Amino acid sequence: MATNGVVESKWCNWELGYGDAQKIDTDNIAVFPINPEKTYDDDYKGNEYMRIYPHSAYHYNSERYSNGSVIKEGFYVCTDTENGRTISPIEKWLQK
């Protein structure tokens, strides 16, 4: 879990770097940003970590999948790839 204050800490960067060096399977870890309601990924000071690691996000029925269907309101785990962003309902991601 990370707040804007945490990601400004030099220790956050060090801890993430340590995890990377241990070759932890990044499919099984995610950054859980804690930010004010109705804010988005780009509003979060640690958004550079969310481009590297899977992260949680809340969707408000205002966004759409690439096929045009509305994303159901709720929490998702998002992963940025070269081909765009994939999302998975958090319940499904936790079952891994």
PDB file of N, CA and C in Angstrom:
ATOM      1  N   MET A   1       0.854  -1.164   0.000  1.00  0.00           N
ATOM      2  CA  MET A   1       0.000   0.000   0.000  1.00  0.00           C
ATOM      3  C   MET A   1       0.900   1.227   0.000  1.00  0.00           C
ATOM      4  N   ALA A   2       0.495   2.225  -0.733  1.00  0.00           N
ATOM      5  CA  ALA A   2       1.339   3.411  -0.848  1.00  0.00           C
ATOM      6  C   ALA A   2       0.488   4.671  -0.897  1.00  0.00           C
ATOM      7  N   THR A   3       0.918   5.670  -0.143  1.00  0.00           N
ATOM      8  CA  THR A   3       0.300   6.990  -0.194  1.00  0.00           C
ATOM      9  C   THR A   3       1.249   7.922  -0.926  1.00  0.00           C
ATOM     10  N   ASN A   4       0.798   9.122  -1.246  1.00  0.00           N
ATOM     11  CA  ASN A   4       1.689  10.090  -1.885  1.00  0.00           C
ATOM     12  C   ASN A   4       2.918  10.344  -1.019  1.00  0.00           C
ATOM     13  N   GLY A   5       2.753  10.423   0.301  1.00  0.00           N
ATOM     14  CA  GLY A   5       3.884  10.658   1.190  1.00  0.00           C
ATOM     15  C   GLY A   5       4.881   9.514   1.190  1.00  0.00           C
ATOM     16  N   VAL A   6       4.383   8.292   1.116  1.00  0.00           N
ATOM     17  CA  VAL A   6       5.270   7.127   1.126  1.00  0.00           C
ATOM     18  C   VAL A   6       6.164   7.110  -0.107  1.00  0.00           C
ATOM     19  N   VAL A   7       5.607   7.374  -1.280  1.00  0.00           N
ATOM     20  CA  VAL A   7       6.415   7.282  -2.493  1.00  0.00           C
ATOM     21  C   VAL A   7       7.430   8.404  -2.604  1.00  0.00           C
ATOM     22  N   GLU A   8       7.262   9.461  -1.808  1.00  0.00           N
ATOM     23  CA  GLU A   8       8.276  10.513  -1.787  1.00  0.00           C
ATOM     24  C   GLU A   8       9.468  10.116  -0.916  1.00  0.00           C
ATOM     25  N   SER A   9       9.307   9.062  -0.137  1.00  0.00           N
ATOM     26  CA  SER A   9      10.371   8.586   0.737  1.00  0.00           C
ATOM     27  C   SER A   9      11.440   7.865  -0.072  1.00  0.00           C
ATOM     28  N   LYS A  10      12.695   8.060   0.302  1.00  0.00           N
ATOM     29  CA  LYS A  10      13.781   7.351  -0.384  1.00  0.00           C
ATOM     30  C   LYS A  10      13.698   5.853  -0.138  1.00  0.00           C
ATOM     31  N   TRP A  11      13.049   5.442   0.951  1.00  0.00           N
ATOM     32  CA  TRP A  11      12.970   4.023   1.272  1.00  0.00           C
ATOM     33  C   TRP A  11      12.040   3.266   0.332  1.00  0.00           C
ATOM     34  N   CYS A  12      10.992   3.899  -0.135  1.00  0.00           N
ATOM     35  CA  CYS A  12      10.056   3.234  -1.048  1.00  0.00           C
ATOM     36  C   CYS A  12      10.795   2.764  -2.296  1.00  0.00           C
ATOM     37  N   ASN A  13      11.570   3.635  -2.882  1.00  0.00           N
ATOM     38  CA  ASN A  13      12.343   3.296  -4.075  1.00  0.00           C
ATOM     39  C   ASN A  13      13.308   2.150  -3.774  1.00  0.00           C
ATOM     40  N   TRP A  14      13.965   2.212  -2.629  1.00  0.00           N
ATOM     41  CA  TRP A  14      14.917   1.181  -2.236  1.00  0.00           C
ATOM     42  C   TRP A  14      14.215  -0.163  -2.071  1.00  0.00           C
ATOM     43  N   GLU A  15      13.059  -0.184  -1.409  1.00  0.00           N
ATOM     44  CA  GLU A  15      12.342  -1.433  -1.168  1.00  0.00           C
ATOM     45  C   GLU A  15      11.851  -2.052  -2.465  1.00  0.00           C
ATOM     46  N   LEU A  16      11.344  -1.238  -3.377  1.00  0.00           N
ATOM     47  CA  LEU A  16      10.918  -1.771  -4.672  1.00  0.00           C
ATOM     48  C   LEU A  16      12.117  -2.314  -5.451  1.00  0.00           C
ATOM     49  N   GLY A  17      13.234  -1.606  -5.394  1.00  0.00           N
ATOM     50  CA  GLY A  17      14.446  -2.073  -6.052  1.00  0.00           C
ATOM     51  C   GLY A  17      14.942  -3.387  -5.478  1.00  0.00           C
ATOM     52  N   TYR A  18      14.863  -3.538  -4.163  1.00  0.00           N
ATOM     53  CA  TYR A  18      15.262  -4.777  -3.515  1.00  0.00           C
ATOM     54  C   TYR A  18      14.382  -5.932  -3.995  1.00  0.00           C
ATOM     55  N   GLY A  19      13.076  -5.696  -4.048  1.00  0.00           N
ATOM     56  CA  GLY A  19      12.155  -6.727  -4.538  1.00  0.00           C
ATOM     57  C   GLY A  19      12.468  -7.128  -5.967  1.00  0.00           C
ATOM     58  N   ASP A  20      12.772  -6.155  -6.812  1.00  0.00           N
ATOM     59  CA  ASP A  20      13.155  -6.452  -8.199  1.00  0.00           C
ATOM     60  C   ASP A  20      14.415  -7.312  -8.250  1.00  0.00           C
ATOM     61  N   ALA A  21      15.392  -6.964  -7.425  1.00  0.00           N
ATOM     62  CA  ALA A  21      16.657  -7.699  -7.422  1.00  0.00           C
ATOM     63  C   ALA A  21      16.464  -9.146  -6.972  1.00  0.00           C
ATOM     64  N   GLN A  22      15.429  -9.405  -6.167  1.00  0.00           N
ATOM     65  CA  GLN A  22      15.158 -10.764  -5.709  1.00  0.00           C
ATOM     66  C   GLN A  22      14.401 -11.577  -6.756  1.00  0.00           C
ATOM     67  N   LYS A  23      14.100 -10.947  -7.884  1.00  0.00           N
ATOM     68  CA  LYS A  23      13.371 -11.596  -8.985  1.00  0.00           C
ATOM     69  C   LYS A  23      12.004 -12.115  -8.545  1.00  0.00           C
ATOM     70  N   ILE A  24      11.351 -11.307  -7.701  1.00  0.00           N
ATOM     71  CA  ILE A  24      10.003 -11.651  -7.268  1.00  0.00           C
ATOM     72  C   ILE A  24       9.090 -11.629  -8.493  1.00  0.00           C
ATOM     73  N   ASP A  25       8.184 -12.577  -8.583  1.00  0.00           N
ATOM     74  CA  ASP A  25       7.249 -12.673  -9.706  1.00  0.00           C
ATOM     75  C   ASP A  25       6.297 -11.484  -9.657  1.00  0.00           C
ATOM     76  N   THR A  26       6.494 -10.501 -10.533  1.00  0.00           N
ATOM     77  CA  THR A  26       5.674  -9.288 -10.485  1.00  0.00           C
ATOM     78  C   THR A  26       4.220  -9.536 -10.872  1.00  0.00           C
ATOM     79  N   ASP A  27       3.881 -10.717 -11.383  1.00  0.00           N
ATOM     80  CA  ASP A  27       2.473 -11.023 -11.633  1.00  0.00           C
ATOM     81  C   ASP A  27       1.719 -11.254 -10.332  1.00  0.00           C
ATOM     82  N   ASN A  28       2.469 -11.496  -9.250  1.00  0.00           N
ATOM     83  CA  ASN A  28       1.838 -11.800  -7.973  1.00  0.00           C
ATOM     84  C   ASN A  28       1.997 -10.692  -6.935  1.00  0.00           C
ATOM     85  N   ILE A  29       2.487  -9.526  -7.346  1.00  0.00           N
ATOM     86  CA  ILE A  29       2.561  -8.374  -6.451  1.00  0.00           C
ATOM     87  C   ILE A  29       1.926  -7.186  -7.157  1.00  0.00           C
ATOM     88  N   ALA A  30       1.441  -6.252  -6.374  1.00  0.00           N
ATOM     89  CA  ALA A  30       0.841  -5.051  -6.966  1.00  0.00           C
ATOM     90  C   ALA A  30       0.983  -3.887  -5.998  1.00  0.00           C
ATOM     91  N   VAL A  31       1.093  -2.698  -6.545  1.00  0.00           N
ATOM     92  CA  VAL A  31       1.094  -1.474  -5.764  1.00  0.00           C
ATOM     93  C   VAL A  31      -0.372  -1.107  -5.514  1.00  0.00           C
ATOM     94  N   PHE A  32      -0.707  -0.834  -4.267  1.00  0.00           N
ATOM     95  CA  PHE A  32      -2.055  -0.414  -3.921  1.00  0.00           C
ATOM     96  C   PHE A  32      -1.997   1.048  -3.487  1.00  0.00           C
ATOM     97  N   PRO A  33      -2.155   1.969  -4.438  1.00  0.00           N
ATOM     98  CA  PRO A  33      -2.077   3.387  -4.086  1.00  0.00           C
ATOM     99  C   PRO A  33      -3.299   3.819  -3.282  1.00  0.00           C
ATOM    100  N   ILE A  34      -3.048   4.605  -2.259  1.00  0.00           N
ATOM    101  CA  ILE A  34      -4.119   5.182  -1.454  1.00  0.00           C
ATOM    102  C   ILE A  34      -4.172   6.662  -1.819  1.00  0.00           C
ATOM    103  N   ASN A  35      -5.212   7.047  -2.509  1.00  0.00           N
ATOM    104  CA  ASN A  35      -5.341   8.434  -2.942  1.00  0.00           C
ATOM    105  C   ASN A  35      -6.783   8.888  -2.767  1.00  0.00           C
ATOM    106  N   PRO A  36      -7.018  10.178  -2.785  1.00  0.00           N
ATOM    107  CA  PRO A  36      -8.370  10.689  -2.542  1.00  0.00           C
ATOM    108  C   PRO A  36      -9.402  10.153  -3.538  1.00  0.00           C
ATOM    109  N   GLU A  37     -10.630  10.029  -3.077  1.00  0.00           N
ATOM    110  CA  GLU A  37     -11.732   9.559  -3.909  1.00  0.00           C
ATOM    111  C   GLU A  37     -11.870  10.437  -5.156  1.00  0.00           C
ATOM    112  N   LYS A  38     -12.227   9.799  -6.255  1.00  0.00           N
ATOM    113  CA  LYS A  38     -12.439  10.456  -7.552  1.00  0.00           C
ATOM    114  C   LYS A  38     -11.152  11.020  -8.153  1.00  0.00           C
ATOM    115  N   THR A  39      -9.994  10.503  -7.749  1.00  0.00           N
ATOM    116  CA  THR A  39      -8.742  10.867  -8.409  1.00  0.00           C
ATOM    117  C   THR A  39      -8.300   9.678  -9.253  1.00  0.00           C
ATOM    118  N   TYR A  40      -7.429   9.932 -10.184  1.00  0.00           N
ATOM    119  CA  TYR A  40      -7.027   8.908 -11.138  1.00  0.00           C
ATOM    120  C   TYR A  40      -5.529   8.675 -11.077  1.00  0.00           C
ATOM    121  N   ASP A  41      -5.078   7.650 -11.780  1.00  0.00           N
ATOM    122  CA  ASP A  41      -3.671   7.256 -11.746  1.00  0.00           C
ATOM    123  C   ASP A  41      -2.716   8.421 -11.954  1.00  0.00           C
ATOM    124  N   ASP A  42      -3.002   9.284 -12.909  1.00  0.00           N
ATOM    125  CA  ASP A  42      -2.092  10.381 -13.213  1.00  0.00           C
ATOM    126  C   ASP A  42      -2.021  11.419 -12.100  1.00  0.00           C
ATOM    127  N   ASP A  43      -3.006  11.423 -11.202  1.00  0.00           N
ATOM    128  CA  ASP A  43      -2.999  12.349 -10.067  1.00  0.00           C
ATOM    129  C   ASP A  43      -2.109  11.851  -8.930  1.00  0.00           C
ATOM    130  N   TYR A  44      -1.725  10.603  -8.991  1.00  0.00           N
ATOM    131  CA  TYR A  44      -0.955   9.968  -7.923  1.00  0.00           C
ATOM    132  C   TYR A  44       0.531  10.228  -8.134  1.00  0.00           C
ATOM    133  N   LYS A  45       1.200  10.721  -7.094  1.00  0.00           N
ATOM    134  CA  LYS A  45       2.616  11.080  -7.222  1.00  0.00           C
ATOM    135  C   LYS A  45       3.489   9.882  -7.565  1.00  0.00           C
ATOM    136  N   GLY A  46       3.068   8.683  -7.215  1.00  0.00           N
ATOM    137  CA  GLY A  46       3.863   7.490  -7.491  1.00  0.00           C
ATOM    138  C   GLY A  46       3.487   6.807  -8.784  1.00  0.00           C
ATOM    139  N   ASN A  47       2.891   7.548  -9.732  1.00  0.00           N
ATOM    140  CA  ASN A  47       2.394   6.879 -10.925  1.00  0.00           C
ATOM    141  C   ASN A  47       3.490   6.231 -11.766  1.00  0.00           C
ATOM    142  N   GLU A  48       4.764   6.632 -11.568  1.00  0.00           N
ATOM    143  CA  GLU A  48       5.837   5.955 -12.313  1.00  0.00           C
ATOM    144  C   GLU A  48       5.951   4.491 -11.873  1.00  0.00           C
ATOM    145  N   TYR A  49       5.632   4.192 -10.604  1.00  0.00           N
ATOM    146  CA  TYR A  49       5.657   2.802 -10.148  1.00  0.00           C
ATOM    147  C   TYR A  49       4.517   2.011 -10.768  1.00  0.00           C
ATOM    148  N   MET A  50       3.410   2.682 -11.022  1.00  0.00           N
ATOM    149  CA  MET A  50       2.252   1.998 -11.585  1.00  0.00           C
ATOM    150  C   MET A  50       2.445   1.678 -13.059  1.00  0.00           C
ATOM    151  N   ARG A  51       3.443   2.237 -13.673  1.00  0.00           N
ATOM    152  CA  ARG A  51       3.757   1.870 -15.055  1.00  0.00           C
ATOM    153  C   ARG A  51       4.689   0.659 -15.089  1.00  0.00           C
ATOM    154  N   ILE A  52       5.349   0.391 -13.964  1.00  0.00           N
ATOM    155  CA  ILE A  52       6.292  -0.723 -13.872  1.00  0.00           C
ATOM    156  C   ILE A  52       5.633  -1.959 -13.261  1.00  0.00           C
ATOM    157  N   TYR A  53       4.837  -1.756 -12.213  1.00  0.00           N
ATOM    158  CA  TYR A  53       4.231  -2.850 -11.458  1.00  0.00           C
ATOM    159  C   TYR A  53       2.720  -2.843 -11.646  1.00  0.00           C
ATOM    160  N   PRO A  54       2.099  -4.022 -11.531  1.00  0.00           N
ATOM    161  CA  PRO A  54       0.635  -4.022 -11.483  1.00  0.00           C
ATOM    162  C   PRO A  54       0.184  -3.144 -10.313  1.00  0.00           C
ATOM    163  N   HIS A  55      -0.985  -2.530 -10.451  1.00  0.00           N
ATOM    164  CA  HIS A  55      -1.485  -1.646  -9.400  1.00  0.00           C
ATOM    165  C   HIS A  55      -3.003  -1.687  -9.351  1.00  0.00           C
ATOM    166  N   SER A  56      -3.535  -1.311  -8.203  1.00  0.00           N
ATOM    167  CA  SER A  56      -4.986  -1.290  -8.069  1.00  0.00           C
ATOM    168  C   SER A  56      -5.534   0.046  -8.546  1.00  0.00           C
ATOM    169  N   ALA A  57      -6.768   0.013  -9.002  1.00  0.00           N
ATOM    170  CA  ALA A  57      -7.467   1.235  -9.417  1.00  0.00           C
ATOM    171  C   ALA A  57      -8.965   0.994  -9.245  1.00  0.00           C
ATOM    172  N   TYR A  58      -9.674   2.048  -8.925  1.00  0.00           N
ATOM    173  CA  TYR A  58     -11.129   1.968  -8.816  1.00  0.00           C
ATOM    174  C   TYR A  58     -11.732   2.582 -10.066  1.00  0.00           C
ATOM    175  N   HIS A  59     -12.627   1.860 -10.697  1.00  0.00           N
ATOM    176  CA  HIS A  59     -13.310   2.368 -11.898  1.00  0.00           C
ATOM    177  C   HIS A  59     -14.751   2.721 -11.523  1.00  0.00           C
ATOM    178  N   TYR A  60     -15.231   3.846 -12.065  1.00  0.00           N
ATOM    179  CA  TYR A  60     -16.510   4.432 -11.668  1.00  0.00           C
ATOM    180  C   TYR A  60     -17.622   4.320 -12.708  1.00  0.00           C
ATOM    181  N   ASN A  61     -17.611   3.330 -13.570  1.00  0.00           N
ATOM    182  CA  ASN A  61     -18.600   3.201 -14.644  1.00  0.00           C
ATOM    183  C   ASN A  61     -18.461   4.295 -15.691  1.00  0.00           C
ATOM    184  N   SER A  62     -17.385   5.077 -15.648  1.00  0.00           N
ATOM    185  CA  SER A  62     -17.223   6.157 -16.625  1.00  0.00           C
ATOM    186  C   SER A  62     -16.177   5.808 -17.683  1.00  0.00           C
ATOM    187  N   GLU A  63     -15.578   4.636 -17.559  1.00  0.00           N
ATOM    188  CA  GLU A  63     -14.542   4.220 -18.520  1.00  0.00           C
ATOM    189  C   GLU A  63     -15.036   3.020 -19.306  1.00  0.00           C
ATOM    190  N   ARG A  64     -14.402   2.810 -20.445  1.00  0.00           N
ATOM    191  CA  ARG A  64     -14.836   1.728 -21.332  1.00  0.00           C
ATOM    192  C   ARG A  64     -13.662   0.832 -21.719  1.00  0.00           C
ATOM    193  N   TYR A  65     -13.996  -0.433 -21.953  1.00  0.00           N
ATOM    194  CA  TYR A  65     -13.022  -1.363 -22.523  1.00  0.00           C
ATOM    195  C   TYR A  65     -12.759  -0.960 -23.973  1.00  0.00           C
ATOM    196  N   SER A  66     -11.715  -1.502 -24.562  1.00  0.00           N
ATOM    197  CA  SER A  66     -11.387  -1.170 -25.955  1.00  0.00           C
ATOM    198  C   SER A  66     -12.494  -1.597 -26.914  1.00  0.00           C
ATOM    199  N   ASN A  67     -13.350  -2.543 -26.515  1.00  0.00           N
ATOM    200  CA  ASN A  67     -14.459  -2.954 -27.388  1.00  0.00           C
ATOM    201  C   ASN A  67     -15.688  -2.056 -27.231  1.00  0.00           C
ATOM    202  N   GLY A  68     -15.602  -1.044 -26.341  1.00  0.00           N
ATOM    203  CA  GLY A  68     -16.691  -0.094 -26.174  1.00  0.00           C
ATOM    204  C   GLY A  68     -17.612  -0.361 -25.010  1.00  0.00           C
ATOM    205  N   SER A  69     -17.554  -1.557 -24.417  1.00  0.00           N
ATOM    206  CA  SER A  69     -18.446  -1.837 -23.288  1.00  0.00           C
ATOM    207  C   SER A  69     -17.946  -1.127 -22.026  1.00  0.00           C
ATOM    208  N   VAL A  70     -18.884  -0.777 -21.159  1.00  0.00           N
ATOM    209  CA  VAL A  70     -18.577  -0.036 -19.940  1.00  0.00           C
ATOM    210  C   VAL A  70     -17.891  -0.961 -18.926  1.00  0.00           C
ATOM    211  N   ILE A  71     -16.868  -0.441 -18.279  1.00  0.00           N
ATOM    212  CA  ILE A  71     -16.194  -1.184 -17.218  1.00  0.00           C
ATOM    213  C   ILE A  71     -17.059  -1.077 -15.974  1.00  0.00           C
ATOM    214  N   LYS A  72     -17.439  -2.209 -15.411  1.00  0.00           N
ATOM    215  CA  LYS A  72     -18.282  -2.250 -14.218  1.00  0.00           C
ATOM    216  C   LYS A  72     -17.564  -1.556 -13.054  1.00  0.00           C
ATOM    217  N   GLU A  73     -18.314  -0.784 -12.260  1.00  0.00           N
ATOM    218  CA  GLU A  73     -17.733  -0.075 -11.122  1.00  0.00           C
ATOM    219  C   GLU A  73     -17.128  -1.063 -10.135  1.00  0.00           C
ATOM    220  N   GLY A  74     -15.932  -0.737  -9.660  1.00  0.00           N
ATOM    221  CA  GLY A  74     -15.274  -1.580  -8.669  1.00  0.00           C
ATOM    222  C   GLY A  74     -13.768  -1.487  -8.756  1.00  0.00           C
ATOM    223  N   PHE A  75     -13.098  -2.304  -7.937  1.00  0.00           N
ATOM    224  CA  PHE A  75     -11.636  -2.332  -7.901  1.00  0.00           C
ATOM    225  C   PHE A  75     -11.095  -3.317  -8.930  1.00  0.00           C
ATOM    226  N   TYR A  76      -9.994  -2.911  -9.572  1.00  0.00           N
ATOM    227  CA  TYR A  76      -9.316  -3.725 -10.569  1.00  0.00           C
ATOM    228  C   TYR A  76      -7.815  -3.676 -10.327  1.00  0.00           C
ATOM    229  N   VAL A  77      -7.115  -4.699 -10.798  1.00  0.00           N
ATOM    230  CA  VAL A  77      -5.657  -4.658 -10.834  1.00  0.00           C
ATOM    231  C   VAL A  77      -5.283  -4.394 -12.284  1.00  0.00           C
ATOM    232  N   CYS A  78      -4.515  -3.323 -12.496  1.00  0.00           N
ATOM    233  CA  CYS A  78      -4.138  -2.870 -13.828  1.00  0.00           C
ATOM    234  C   CYS A  78      -2.677  -3.198 -14.096  1.00  0.00           C
ATOM    235  N   THR A  79      -2.400  -3.621 -15.301  1.00  0.00           N
ATOM    236  CA  THR A  79      -1.020  -3.887 -15.713  1.00  0.00           C
ATOM    237  C   THR A  79      -0.780  -3.170 -17.029  1.00  0.00           C
ATOM    238  N   ASP A  80       0.228  -2.311 -17.056  1.00  0.00           N
ATOM    239  CA  ASP A  80       0.586  -1.605 -18.283  1.00  0.00           C
ATOM    240  C   ASP A  80       1.563  -2.461 -19.078  1.00  0.00           C
ATOM    241  N   THR A  81       1.282  -2.603 -20.367  1.00  0.00           N
ATOM    242  CA  THR A  81       2.152  -3.365 -21.260  1.00  0.00           C
ATOM    243  C   THR A  81       2.475  -2.498 -22.472  1.00  0.00           C
ATOM    244  N   GLU A  82       3.303  -3.016 -23.345  1.00  0.00           N
ATOM    245  CA  GLU A  82       3.629  -2.293 -24.578  1.00  0.00           C
ATOM    246  C   GLU A  82       2.389  -2.086 -25.436  1.00  0.00           C
ATOM    247  N   ASN A  83       1.409  -2.973 -25.294  1.00  0.00           N
ATOM    248  CA  ASN A  83       0.193  -2.915 -26.108  1.00  0.00           C
ATOM    249  C   ASN A  83      -0.956  -2.184 -25.433  1.00  0.00           C
ATOM    250  N   GLY A  84      -0.709  -1.563 -24.281  1.00  0.00           N
ATOM    251  CA  GLY A  84      -1.768  -0.848 -23.572  1.00  0.00           C
ATOM    252  C   GLY A  84      -1.907  -1.373 -22.165  1.00  0.00           C
ATOM    253  N   ARG A  85      -3.063  -1.184 -21.594  1.00  0.00           N
ATOM    254  CA  ARG A  85      -3.326  -1.584 -20.210  1.00  0.00           C
ATOM    255  C   ARG A  85      -4.317  -2.733 -20.186  1.00  0.00           C
ATOM    256  N   THR A  86      -4.019  -3.726 -19.357  1.00  0.00           N
ATOM    257  CA  THR A  86      -4.984  -4.789 -19.108  1.00  0.00           C
ATOM    258  C   THR A  86      -5.492  -4.616 -17.688  1.00  0.00           C
ATOM    259  N   ILE A  87      -6.753  -4.977 -17.467  1.00  0.00           N
ATOM    260  CA  ILE A  87      -7.319  -4.899 -16.123  1.00  0.00           C
ATOM    261  C   ILE A  87      -7.980  -6.219 -15.780  1.00  0.00           C
ATOM    262  N   SER A  88      -7.970  -6.521 -14.490  1.00  0.00           N
ATOM    263  CA  SER A  88      -8.594  -7.743 -13.992  1.00  0.00           C
ATOM    264  C   SER A  88      -9.330  -7.387 -12.707  1.00  0.00           C
ATOM    265  N   PRO A  89     -10.562  -7.854 -12.529  1.00  0.00           N
ATOM    266  CA  PRO A  89     -11.247  -7.582 -11.268  1.00  0.00           C
ATOM    267  C   PRO A  89     -10.368  -8.042 -10.102  1.00  0.00           C
ATOM    268  N   ILE A  90     -10.309  -7.250  -9.060  1.00  0.00           N
ATOM    269  CA  ILE A  90      -9.407  -7.560  -7.954  1.00  0.00           C
ATOM    270  C   ILE A  90      -9.719  -8.916  -7.338  1.00  0.00           C
ATOM    271  N   GLU A  91     -10.983  -9.312  -7.315  1.00  0.00           N
ATOM    272  CA  GLU A  91     -11.355 -10.612  -6.758  1.00  0.00           C
ATOM    273  C   GLU A  91     -10.680 -11.738  -7.537  1.00  0.00           C
ATOM    274  N   LYS A  92     -10.663 -11.623  -8.850  1.00  0.00           N
ATOM    275  CA  LYS A  92     -10.033 -12.646  -9.707  1.00  0.00           C
ATOM    276  C   LYS A  92      -8.521 -12.642  -9.499  1.00  0.00           C
ATOM    277  N   TRP A  93      -7.918 -11.454  -9.424  1.00  0.00           N
ATOM    278  CA  TRP A  93      -6.465 -11.345  -9.250  1.00  0.00           C
ATOM    279  C   TRP A  93      -6.040 -11.959  -7.918  1.00  0.00           C
ATOM    280  N   LEU A  94      -6.820 -11.754  -6.866  1.00  0.00           N
ATOM    281  CA  LEU A  94      -6.478 -12.296  -5.536  1.00  0.00           C
ATOM    282  C   LEU A  94      -6.548 -13.810  -5.479  1.00  0.00           C
ATOM    283  N   GLN A  95      -7.262 -14.434  -6.404  1.00  0.00           N
ATOM    284  CA  GLN A  95      -7.399 -15.889  -6.410  1.00  0.00           C
ATOM    285  C   GLN A  95      -6.175 -16.588  -6.993  1.00  0.00           C
ATOM    286  N   LYS A  96      -5.233 -15.840  -7.536  1.00  0.00           N
ATOM    287  CA  LYS A  96      -4.031 -16.466  -8.139  1.00  0.00           C
ATOM    288  C   LYS A  96      -3.264 -17.248  -7.107  1.00  0.00           C
TER     289      LYS A  96
END
